Amino acid sequence: MTETRRERDLLGEREVPVGALWGVHTLRALENFPLARRPVHRALVHAFGVVKGACALTNQRLGAWAADPLKGETIVRACAEMAGGQLDEHVVVDALQGGAGTSTNMNVNEVLANRALQILGEPLGQYQRVSPLDDINLHQSTNDTFPTALRVAGLWLLAALEKEVVVLQEAFQQKEKAFAHIVKVGRTEMQDAVLITLGREMGAYAEALTRDRWRIYKCSERLRVVNLGGTAIGTGLGAPRAFIFQVVDALSQLTGLSVARAENLVEATQNADVFAEVSGILKACAVNLLKISSDLRLLSSGPEAGLGEIKLPARQAGSSIMPGKVNPVIPEAVSQAALLVMAHDAAIAQACAAGSLELNPFLPLVAHCLLDSLDLLARAAGILCRFCVQDMTADEEHCRAHVQASTAVVTALVARVGYEAACTIANRASERRCSIREVVLADGILSEQEFDELTTPEAVCRLGSPERGGEP
């Protein structure tokens, strides 16, 4: 049988595994919430470490443990270990839980208390020397530490996402240059429309990702305002004024983040709309990744019986029954990640709206979905760049063949011959079953040089029509 120790809480005594760094509060949470079957996000655990560390440093400076200085030093050390990922395996509560995150806060408090006791050479669970509540949670509440930790974790993951988006943006910019000379058919509503260059299509994707990069920066602005020091409902109940004014500065020093205390701590504790706003902005990034991935699949389709204008890197065999088939698995995987982020956004919006009066009880769901979305987007952008875009190539012959076979070419001639004449040319090409070029040259409408000048990469990318606008 597993050896146990006895711990007590409000509801009575329970047996806890003797070597566990968590305690009775965590035990009850494990029994009560077998939901996601996933622990809370590791970034949230690390963020809790720095939040608790900031609180411990502030309490230490204010003389909370003046009678036992070694205790304060040990608590700060334990917090640093949690922030550094050394205590991850001990934060075991389910990601989805009732109580607005109290189970996570108490799991953290118990682990930090027991780790401090361990360092001090004291028995685990003997909280007279270091208490999860009276020491680790001193001058705090779940209601200010959990949302603050969520913001810190979000800021960290936003920085990681921005790096991946920038690299993906740059990869498309490189393809914009590499494919600038390739004229192809542009399509609207899945139908041949006008000529464009493959480079310009790639440049459009890069521009969309540039907006995502700016949006991510704006997300960071939203998350920098924290309610730490507000305790239960933002009034700072039970916390000295000196603690409230100093603790956020300590958090900034520990994290290197320019976090700031909310001017209205009650409002910041009560409302969670900031998380809904950030999630909505992340959804826009997911929208772009889904659109780009869908386009890459379409442009690479076939390759013989489809568009086949680009070639994606072959990542794995595509079928257990169709020899030689290679599927666009990376864009497909990225599409699924994007769709899940959109679903997370819907859950976050509803969870943020479902708060009541002075608190939102559903922040664990917000944390689960928001941090997962950040991870998904960063990883999706990363694999799309490294496993797909960087080694993507153009099939110039396919692009050229499509141009020659398509009536889209005739649009390039409108400025020179007029719309009605262009329609006549298109009809003749259809009737004769030949190309637009062949009709134009055979009927003496344009010379070969004139036709080629109207369909060069420079011509099809020119803004407007110089013949009508009078500009060079």
Protein backbone atom coordinates (compact mmCIF):
# COMPACT_ATOMS: atom_id res chain seq x y z
CA MET A 1 0.00 0.00 0.00
CA THR A 2 1.08 3.56 -0.72
CA GLU A 3 2.22 5.37 2.39
CA THR A 4 0.16 8.42 3.27
CA ARG A 5 0.12 11.45 5.51
CA ARG A 6 -2.96 13.09 6.99
CA GLU A 7 -3.95 16.64 6.05
CA ARG A 8 -6.93 18.70 7.11
CA ASP A 9 -9.05 21.33 5.36
CA LEU A 10 -12.47 22.91 5.91
CA LEU A 11 -14.27 19.66 5.10
CA GLY A 12 -12.19 17.40 7.32
CA GLU A 13 -9.16 15.12 7.16
CA ARG A 14 -7.90 13.12 4.18
CA GLU A 15 -5.01 10.81 3.39
CA VAL A 16 -2.47 12.24 0.93
CA PRO A 17 0.45 10.26 -0.59
CA VAL A 18 3.34 10.79 1.77
CA GLY A 19 5.78 12.02 -0.89
CA ALA A 20 3.40 14.30 -2.79
CA LEU A 21 4.23 17.99 -2.90
CA TRP A 22 0.52 18.71 -3.29
CA GLY A 23 -1.96 18.38 -0.44
CA VAL A 24 -5.58 17.93 0.57
CA HIS A 25 -7.01 20.77 -1.53
CA THR A 26 -5.40 19.31 -4.64
CA LEU A 27 -6.64 15.83 -3.72
CA ARG A 28 -10.24 17.04 -3.61
CA ALA A 29 -9.81 18.82 -6.95
CA LEU A 30 -8.48 15.65 -8.54
CA GLU A 31 -11.57 13.80 -7.33
CA ASN A 32 -14.04 16.53 -8.27
CA PHE A 33 -12.90 17.48 -11.76
CA PRO A 34 -12.08 14.50 -14.00
CA LEU A 35 -12.99 16.58 -17.06
CA ALA A 36 -10.35 17.55 -19.62
CA ARG A 37 -7.96 14.88 -18.35
CA ARG A 38 -5.24 17.43 -18.98
CA PRO A 39 -3.38 19.45 -16.34
CA VAL A 40 -3.37 23.22 -16.54
CA HIS A 41 -1.14 24.68 -19.24
CA ARG A 42 2.54 24.64 -18.30
CA ALA A 43 2.93 28.31 -19.19
CA LEU A 44 0.23 29.10 -16.63
CA VAL A 45 2.13 27.10 -14.01
CA HIS A 46 5.36 28.96 -14.77
CA ALA A 47 3.49 32.27 -14.69
CA PHE A 48 2.02 31.34 -11.30
CA GLY A 49 5.60 30.79 -10.14
CA VAL A 50 6.59 34.36 -11.00
CA VAL A 51 3.34 35.80 -9.61
CA LYS A 52 3.85 33.98 -6.32
CA GLY A 53 7.51 34.99 -6.43
CA ALA A 54 6.58 38.65 -6.81
CA CYS A 55 4.19 38.36 -3.88
CA ALA A 56 6.82 36.58 -1.77
CA LEU A 57 9.51 39.17 -2.54
CA THR A 58 7.13 41.99 -1.69
CA ASN A 59 6.06 40.35 1.58
CA GLN A 60 9.69 39.67 2.39
CA ARG A 61 10.62 43.33 1.84
CA LEU A 62 7.70 44.41 4.03
CA GLY A 63 8.99 42.25 6.89
CA ALA A 64 6.39 39.47 6.80
CA TRP A 65 8.97 36.84 7.80
CA ALA A 66 11.34 39.03 9.81
CA ALA A 67 11.24 36.50 12.66
CA ASP A 68 12.23 33.68 10.27
CA PRO A 69 14.24 35.18 7.39
CA LEU A 70 15.27 31.75 6.10
CA LYS A 71 11.61 30.92 5.49
CA GLY A 72 11.17 33.93 3.24
CA GLU A 73 14.32 33.10 1.29
CA THR A 74 13.19 29.51 0.85
CA ILE A 75 9.73 30.50 -0.38
CA VAL A 76 11.29 32.83 -2.96
CA ARG A 77 13.56 29.99 -4.08
CA ALA A 78 10.63 27.59 -4.43
CA CYS A 79 8.76 30.15 -6.52
CA ALA A 80 11.77 30.55 -8.80
CA GLU A 81 11.89 26.78 -9.29
CA MET A 82 8.24 26.73 -10.30
CA ALA A 83 8.78 29.65 -12.68
CA GLY A 84 11.67 27.74 -14.22
CA GLY A 85 9.61 24.62 -14.87
CA GLN A 86 11.18 22.43 -12.20
CA LEU A 87 7.91 21.72 -10.40
CA ASP A 88 5.64 21.10 -13.41
CA GLU A 89 4.89 17.48 -12.55
CA HIS A 90 3.43 18.47 -9.19
CA VAL A 91 0.73 20.83 -10.53
CA VAL A 92 -1.77 18.14 -11.38
CA VAL A 93 -5.27 19.60 -11.19
CA ASP A 94 -7.50 19.40 -14.25
CA ALA A 95 -7.50 22.31 -16.69
CA LEU A 96 -11.30 22.57 -16.31
CA GLN A 97 -12.45 23.15 -12.75
CA GLY A 98 -15.04 24.95 -10.71
CA GLY A 99 -14.17 27.77 -8.33
CA ALA A 100 -12.69 30.37 -10.71
CA GLY A 101 -9.27 28.69 -10.56
CA THR A 102 -9.09 28.13 -6.79
CA SER A 103 -7.98 24.53 -7.33
CA THR A 104 -5.05 25.70 -9.45
CA ASN A 105 -4.10 28.38 -6.93
CA MET A 106 -4.27 25.92 -4.04
CA ASN A 107 -2.32 23.27 -5.93
CA VAL A 108 0.37 25.90 -6.52
CA ASN A 109 0.25 27.06 -2.88
CA GLU A 110 0.61 23.51 -1.58
CA VAL A 111 3.45 22.62 -3.92
CA LEU A 112 5.37 25.77 -3.05
CA ALA A 113 4.82 25.28 0.68
CA ASN A 114 5.94 21.66 0.57
CA ARG A 115 8.91 22.44 -1.65
CA ALA A 116 9.97 25.11 0.85
CA LEU A 117 9.56 22.60 3.68
CA GLN A 118 11.61 20.10 1.69
CA ILE A 119 14.42 22.62 1.26
CA LEU A 120 14.28 23.47 4.96
CA GLY A 121 14.48 19.77 5.88
CA GLU A 122 10.99 19.76 7.40
CA PRO A 123 8.41 16.95 6.88
CA LEU A 124 5.98 17.40 4.00
CA GLY A 125 2.49 18.43 5.05
CA GLN A 126 3.64 19.89 8.37
CA TYR A 127 2.53 23.42 7.65
CA GLN A 128 3.40 25.05 10.97
CA ARG A 129 6.71 26.30 9.51
CA VAL A 130 5.47 27.13 5.98
CA SER A 131 1.74 27.33 5.32
CA PRO A 132 0.12 27.19 1.86
CA LEU A 133 -2.41 29.83 2.96
CA ASP A 134 -0.77 31.95 5.67
CA ASP A 135 2.59 32.18 3.86
CA ILE A 136 2.42 31.28 0.18
CA ASN A 137 -1.00 32.92 -0.34
CA LEU A 138 -0.27 35.84 1.98
CA HIS A 139 -2.09 39.04 0.86
CA GLN A 140 -3.50 37.28 -2.20
CA SER A 141 -6.60 35.62 -3.59
CA THR A 142 -7.26 33.26 -6.47
CA ASN A 143 -9.22 36.15 -7.93
CA ASP A 144 -6.14 38.32 -8.49
CA THR A 145 -3.36 35.72 -8.86
CA PHE A 146 -5.10 33.50 -11.44
CA PRO A 147 -6.00 36.25 -13.97
CA THR A 148 -2.60 37.86 -13.45
CA ALA A 149 -0.83 34.56 -14.12
CA LEU A 150 -3.02 34.07 -17.19
CA ARG A 151 -1.99 37.48 -18.51
CA VAL A 152 1.69 36.78 -17.92
CA ALA A 153 1.44 33.39 -19.62
CA GLY A 154 -0.42 35.01 -22.49
CA LEU A 155 2.30 37.64 -22.92
CA TRP A 156 4.98 34.96 -23.06
CA LEU A 157 3.11 32.92 -25.65
CA LEU A 158 2.25 36.01 -27.71
CA ALA A 159 5.99 36.72 -28.00
CA ALA A 160 6.55 33.18 -29.27
CA LEU A 161 3.67 33.51 -31.73
CA GLU A 162 4.98 36.82 -33.06
CA LYS A 163 8.35 35.24 -33.85
CA GLU A 164 6.72 32.44 -35.85
CA VAL A 165 4.44 34.83 -37.73
CA VAL A 166 7.40 37.05 -38.65
CA VAL A 167 9.36 34.08 -40.03
CA LEU A 168 6.34 32.94 -42.05
CA GLN A 169 5.79 36.47 -43.34
CA GLU A 170 9.42 36.66 -44.44
CA ALA A 171 9.16 33.28 -46.18
CA PHE A 172 6.27 34.55 -48.29
CA GLN A 173 8.20 37.74 -49.05
CA GLN A 174 11.05 35.61 -50.36
CA LYS A 175 8.62 33.68 -52.57
CA GLU A 176 7.19 36.99 -53.76
CA LYS A 177 10.61 37.89 -55.15
CA ALA A 178 11.36 34.39 -56.45
CA PHE A 179 8.05 34.14 -58.35
CA ALA A 180 7.83 37.77 -59.51
CA HIS A 181 8.47 36.86 -63.16
CA ILE A 182 5.81 34.13 -63.41
CA VAL A 183 2.60 35.32 -65.09
CA LYS A 184 -0.42 33.19 -64.23
CA VAL A 185 -4.19 33.23 -64.34
CA GLY A 186 -5.85 35.09 -61.49
CA ARG A 187 -9.20 33.69 -60.46
CA THR A 188 -12.34 35.06 -58.83
CA GLU A 189 -15.21 32.86 -57.67
CA MET A 190 -13.18 29.84 -58.90
CA GLN A 191 -13.32 31.14 -62.47
CA ASP A 192 -10.58 32.52 -64.71
CA ALA A 193 -10.49 36.28 -64.28
CA VAL A 194 -7.38 38.31 -65.15
CA LEU A 195 -3.63 37.84 -65.32
CA ILE A 196 -1.46 38.26 -62.27
CA THR A 197 1.96 37.06 -61.20
CA LEU A 198 2.52 34.22 -58.79
CA GLY A 199 4.82 36.54 -56.89
CA ARG A 200 2.05 39.03 -56.33
CA GLU A 201 -0.17 36.30 -54.88
CA MET A 202 2.61 35.39 -52.45
CA GLY A 203 3.04 39.06 -51.56
CA ALA A 204 -0.63 39.30 -50.65
CA TYR A 205 -0.19 36.48 -48.13
CA ALA A 206 2.84 38.25 -46.67
CA GLU A 207 0.83 41.46 -46.28
CA ALA A 208 -1.97 39.65 -44.44
CA LEU A 209 0.61 38.22 -42.04
CA THR A 210 2.02 41.72 -41.54
CA ARG A 211 -1.38 42.74 -40.18
CA ASP A 212 -1.36 39.70 -37.91
CA ARG A 213 2.00 40.79 -36.54
CA TRP A 214 0.56 44.21 -35.69
CA ARG A 215 -2.52 42.65 -34.13
CA ILE A 216 -0.36 40.45 -31.91
CA TYR A 217 1.41 43.57 -30.67
CA LYS A 218 -1.96 45.11 -29.82
CA CYS A 219 -2.89 41.93 -27.92
CA SER A 220 0.19 42.42 -25.74
CA GLU A 221 -0.96 45.94 -24.86
CA ARG A 222 -4.28 44.55 -23.64
CA LEU A 223 -2.74 41.88 -21.40
CA ARG A 224 -0.20 44.12 -19.66
CA VAL A 225 -2.77 45.53 -17.22
CA VAL A 226 -3.15 43.22 -14.20
CA ASN A 227 -5.28 43.15 -11.08
CA LEU A 228 -2.66 41.76 -8.69
CA GLY A 229 -3.14 43.27 -5.26
CA GLY A 230 -6.90 43.45 -5.62
CA THR A 231 -7.37 40.19 -3.66
CA ALA A 232 -10.95 38.89 -3.56
CA ILE A 233 -12.99 41.44 -5.51
CA GLY A 234 -10.55 44.23 -6.26
CA THR A 235 -10.83 46.13 -2.98
CA GLY A 236 -7.49 44.80 -1.72
CA LEU A 237 -9.17 43.24 1.31
CA GLY A 238 -6.56 41.84 3.72
CA ALA A 239 -3.55 43.30 1.88
CA PRO A 240 -1.50 46.28 3.17
CA ARG A 241 -1.49 49.33 0.92
CA ALA A 242 2.28 49.05 0.64
CA PHE A 243 1.90 45.52 -0.74
CA ILE A 244 -0.70 46.63 -3.29
CA PHE A 245 1.50 49.46 -4.54
CA GLN A 246 4.72 47.43 -4.71
CA VAL A 247 3.76 43.94 -5.87
CA VAL A 248 3.21 44.74 -9.55
CA ASP A 249 6.62 46.43 -9.72
CA ALA A 250 8.12 43.24 -8.32
CA LEU A 251 6.29 41.26 -10.99
CA SER A 252 7.70 43.53 -13.71
CA GLN A 253 11.20 43.04 -12.36
CA LEU A 254 10.88 39.26 -12.27
CA THR A 255 9.35 38.87 -15.71
CA GLY A 256 10.96 41.72 -17.62
CA LEU A 257 7.46 42.59 -18.81
CA SER A 258 6.11 46.13 -18.52
CA VAL A 259 3.00 45.09 -16.63
CA ALA A 260 0.96 47.74 -14.84
CA ARG A 261 -1.62 47.70 -12.04
CA ALA A 262 -5.15 48.37 -13.21
CA GLU A 263 -6.44 51.78 -12.18
CA ASN A 264 -9.75 50.20 -11.20
CA LEU A 265 -8.99 46.87 -9.52
CA VAL A 266 -12.66 46.09 -8.95
CA GLU A 267 -13.43 46.44 -12.64
CA ALA A 268 -10.34 44.43 -13.64
CA THR A 269 -11.37 41.61 -11.29
CA GLN A 270 -15.01 41.63 -12.33
CA ASN A 271 -14.73 41.76 -16.13
CA ALA A 272 -12.95 39.39 -18.51
CA ASP A 273 -13.72 41.11 -21.82
CA VAL A 274 -10.00 41.70 -22.44
CA PHE A 275 -9.54 37.98 -22.94
CA ALA A 276 -12.44 37.92 -25.39
CA GLU A 277 -10.85 40.82 -27.29
CA VAL A 278 -7.47 39.09 -27.47
CA SER A 279 -9.07 35.84 -28.56
CA GLY A 280 -10.96 37.65 -31.29
CA ILE A 281 -7.73 39.13 -32.60
CA LEU A 282 -6.11 35.70 -32.55
CA LYS A 283 -9.09 34.40 -34.49
CA ALA A 284 -8.18 36.84 -37.27
CA CYS A 285 -4.75 35.20 -37.42
CA ALA A 286 -6.44 31.80 -37.63
CA VAL A 287 -8.61 33.11 -40.47
CA ASN A 288 -5.52 34.12 -42.44
CA LEU A 289 -3.78 30.81 -41.84
CA LEU A 290 -6.88 28.92 -42.98
CA LYS A 291 -7.26 31.07 -46.11
CA ILE A 292 -3.59 30.74 -47.02
CA SER A 293 -3.58 26.99 -46.38
CA SER A 294 -6.70 26.52 -48.50
CA ASP A 295 -5.13 28.49 -51.35
CA LEU A 296 -1.90 26.49 -51.20
CA ARG A 297 -3.88 23.27 -51.41
CA LEU A 298 -5.82 24.56 -54.40
CA LEU A 299 -2.81 25.99 -56.24
CA SER A 300 -0.96 22.69 -55.80
CA SER A 301 -3.95 20.52 -56.68
CA GLY A 302 -3.60 17.73 -59.21
CA PRO A 303 -0.81 17.91 -59.89
CA GLU A 304 -1.74 16.91 -63.43
CA ALA A 305 -5.52 17.10 -63.33
CA GLY A 306 -5.71 20.14 -61.07
CA LEU A 307 -4.22 23.63 -61.07
CA GLY A 308 -0.71 22.41 -60.33
CA GLU A 309 0.81 25.89 -60.39
CA ILE A 310 2.94 25.34 -57.31
CA LYS A 311 4.62 22.26 -55.88
CA LEU A 312 4.58 21.71 -52.14
CA PRO A 313 7.32 19.68 -50.46
CA ALA A 314 6.43 15.99 -50.25
CA ARG A 315 6.19 15.19 -46.55
CA GLN A 316 4.75 11.67 -46.53
CA ALA A 317 3.03 9.08 -48.69
CA GLY A 318 -0.55 10.11 -49.28
CA SER A 319 -2.50 6.90 -49.58
CA SER A 320 -2.58 3.27 -48.52
CA ILE A 321 -4.28 2.31 -51.78
CA MET A 322 -3.31 4.89 -54.42
CA PRO A 323 0.37 4.51 -55.41
CA GLY A 324 2.32 7.71 -55.97
CA LYS A 325 -0.22 9.98 -54.29
CA VAL A 326 1.18 12.74 -52.09
CA ASN A 327 -1.24 14.91 -50.13
CA PRO A 328 -0.85 18.53 -48.95
CA VAL A 329 -0.73 17.38 -45.34
CA ILE A 330 0.89 20.49 -43.86
CA PRO A 331 -1.76 22.96 -45.09
CA GLU A 332 -4.40 20.45 -44.02
CA ALA A 333 -2.95 20.21 -40.51
CA VAL A 334 -2.63 23.99 -40.25
CA SER A 335 -6.24 24.34 -41.37
CA GLN A 336 -7.38 22.09 -38.53
CA ALA A 337 -5.39 24.09 -35.99
CA ALA A 338 -6.98 27.29 -37.32
CA LEU A 339 -10.47 25.83 -37.10
CA LEU A 340 -9.88 24.77 -33.51
CA VAL A 341 -8.70 28.29 -32.62
CA MET A 342 -11.96 29.64 -34.03
CA ALA A 343 -13.89 27.16 -31.89
CA HIS A 344 -11.87 28.20 -28.84
CA ASP A 345 -12.78 31.82 -29.55
CA ALA A 346 -16.48 30.97 -29.38
CA ALA A 347 -15.98 29.24 -26.03
CA ILE A 348 -13.93 32.14 -24.67
CA ALA A 349 -16.54 34.70 -25.70
CA GLN A 350 -19.29 32.79 -23.94
CA ALA A 351 -17.17 32.16 -20.83
CA CYS A 352 -16.23 35.84 -20.54
CA ALA A 353 -19.86 36.89 -20.96
CA ALA A 354 -21.03 34.41 -18.32
CA GLY A 355 -19.30 36.13 -15.42
CA SER A 356 -21.50 37.43 -12.64
CA LEU A 357 -21.24 40.51 -10.47
CA GLU A 358 -17.75 40.80 -8.95
CA LEU A 359 -16.09 37.73 -10.51
CA ASN A 360 -15.94 35.47 -13.53
CA PRO A 361 -16.00 31.83 -12.36
CA PHE A 362 -15.13 30.49 -15.81
CA LEU A 363 -11.56 31.74 -16.16
CA PRO A 364 -10.17 28.17 -16.13
CA LEU A 365 -11.96 27.55 -19.44
CA VAL A 366 -10.71 30.91 -20.76
CA ALA A 367 -7.16 30.00 -19.76
CA HIS A 368 -7.41 26.52 -21.28
CA CYS A 369 -8.69 27.80 -24.62
CA LEU A 370 -6.65 31.01 -24.88
CA LEU A 371 -3.28 29.44 -24.09
CA ASP A 372 -4.06 26.46 -26.30
CA SER A 373 -4.94 28.83 -29.14
CA LEU A 374 -1.64 30.67 -28.75
CA ASP A 375 0.26 27.40 -28.85
CA LEU A 376 -1.69 26.12 -31.85
CA LEU A 377 -1.17 29.29 -33.87
CA ALA A 378 2.56 29.44 -33.14
CA ARG A 379 3.07 25.79 -34.03
CA ALA A 380 0.85 26.04 -37.10
CA ALA A 381 2.71 29.08 -38.42
CA GLY A 382 5.98 27.32 -37.69
CA ILE A 383 5.25 24.12 -39.58
CA LEU A 384 3.62 25.98 -42.46
CA CYS A 385 6.83 27.95 -42.87
CA ARG A 386 9.45 25.23 -42.32
CA PHE A 387 7.67 22.23 -43.82
CA CYS A 388 5.82 23.91 -46.68
CA VAL A 389 6.47 27.50 -47.76
CA GLN A 390 10.26 27.62 -47.55
CA ASP A 391 10.72 24.72 -49.98
CA MET A 392 7.66 25.43 -52.13
CA THR A 393 8.43 25.76 -55.84
CA ALA A 394 6.56 27.03 -58.89
CA ASP A 395 5.59 24.98 -61.91
CA GLU A 396 6.24 27.62 -64.56
CA GLU A 397 5.16 25.37 -67.42
CA HIS A 398 1.76 24.77 -65.84
CA CYS A 399 1.32 28.49 -65.20
CA ARG A 400 2.25 29.28 -68.80
CA ALA A 401 -0.07 26.60 -70.19
CA HIS A 402 -2.99 27.94 -68.14
CA VAL A 403 -2.32 31.46 -69.38
CA GLN A 404 -2.22 30.32 -73.00
CA ALA A 405 -5.41 28.29 -72.67
CA SER A 406 -7.43 30.81 -70.68
CA THR A 407 -9.67 33.63 -71.84
CA ALA A 408 -8.36 35.58 -68.85
CA VAL A 409 -5.65 36.87 -71.16
CA VAL A 410 -8.20 38.92 -73.08
CA THR A 411 -8.76 41.18 -70.09
CA ALA A 412 -5.21 42.44 -70.49
CA LEU A 413 -6.16 43.66 -73.97
CA VAL A 414 -9.25 45.67 -72.99
CA ALA A 415 -7.34 48.92 -72.46
CA ARG A 416 -5.97 48.67 -76.01
CA VAL A 417 -8.84 47.21 -78.06
CA GLY A 418 -11.95 47.99 -75.96
CA TYR A 419 -14.37 45.75 -74.10
CA GLU A 420 -16.59 44.81 -77.08
CA ALA A 421 -13.65 43.87 -79.26
CA ALA A 422 -12.17 41.87 -76.41
CA CYS A 423 -15.45 39.93 -76.09
CA THR A 424 -15.32 39.18 -79.81
CA ILE A 425 -11.75 37.90 -79.47
CA ALA A 426 -12.78 35.64 -76.58
CA ASN A 427 -15.69 34.23 -78.60
CA ARG A 428 -13.48 33.56 -81.59
CA ALA A 429 -10.94 31.75 -79.40
CA SER A 430 -13.73 29.58 -78.05
CA GLU A 431 -15.17 28.83 -81.49
CA ARG A 432 -11.80 28.06 -83.06
CA ARG A 433 -10.60 26.17 -79.99
CA CYS A 434 -7.37 28.07 -79.94
CA SER A 435 -5.63 30.59 -77.70
CA ILE A 436 -6.32 34.32 -77.40
CA ARG A 437 -2.81 34.98 -78.68
CA GLU A 438 -3.43 32.92 -81.80
CA VAL A 439 -6.66 34.82 -82.58
CA VAL A 440 -5.11 38.24 -82.02
CA LEU A 441 -2.13 37.49 -84.25
CA ALA A 442 -4.11 35.65 -86.95
CA ASP A 443 -6.70 38.44 -87.24
CA GLY A 444 -4.09 41.17 -87.22
CA ILE A 445 -5.57 42.87 -84.17
CA LEU A 446 -2.18 43.32 -82.49
CA SER A 447 1.40 42.58 -83.42
CA GLU A 448 3.31 39.92 -81.55
CA GLN A 449 5.34 42.60 -79.79
CA GLU A 450 2.23 44.53 -78.77
CA PHE A 451 0.55 41.40 -77.40
CA ASP A 452 3.64 40.39 -75.41
CA GLU A 453 4.02 43.90 -73.97
CA LEU A 454 0.46 43.73 -72.61
CA THR A 455 1.03 40.37 -70.91
CA THR A 456 4.45 40.84 -69.31
CA PRO A 457 4.83 40.51 -65.51
CA GLU A 458 5.26 44.30 -65.33
CA ALA A 459 2.12 44.94 -67.36
CA VAL A 460 -0.15 42.60 -65.44
CA CYS A 461 1.07 44.02 -62.12
CA ARG A 462 0.78 47.67 -63.15
CA LEU A 463 -1.71 49.68 -61.11
CA GLY A 464 -4.40 50.78 -63.55
CA SER A 465 -4.21 51.17 -67.32
CA PRO A 466 -1.72 53.78 -68.62
CA GLU A 467 -3.54 54.16 -71.94
CA ARG A 468 -6.61 55.53 -70.18
CA GLY A 469 -5.15 57.24 -67.16
CA GLY A 470 -2.47 59.19 -69.01
CA GLU A 471 0.22 58.13 -66.51
CA PRO A 472 3.39 56.23 -67.51
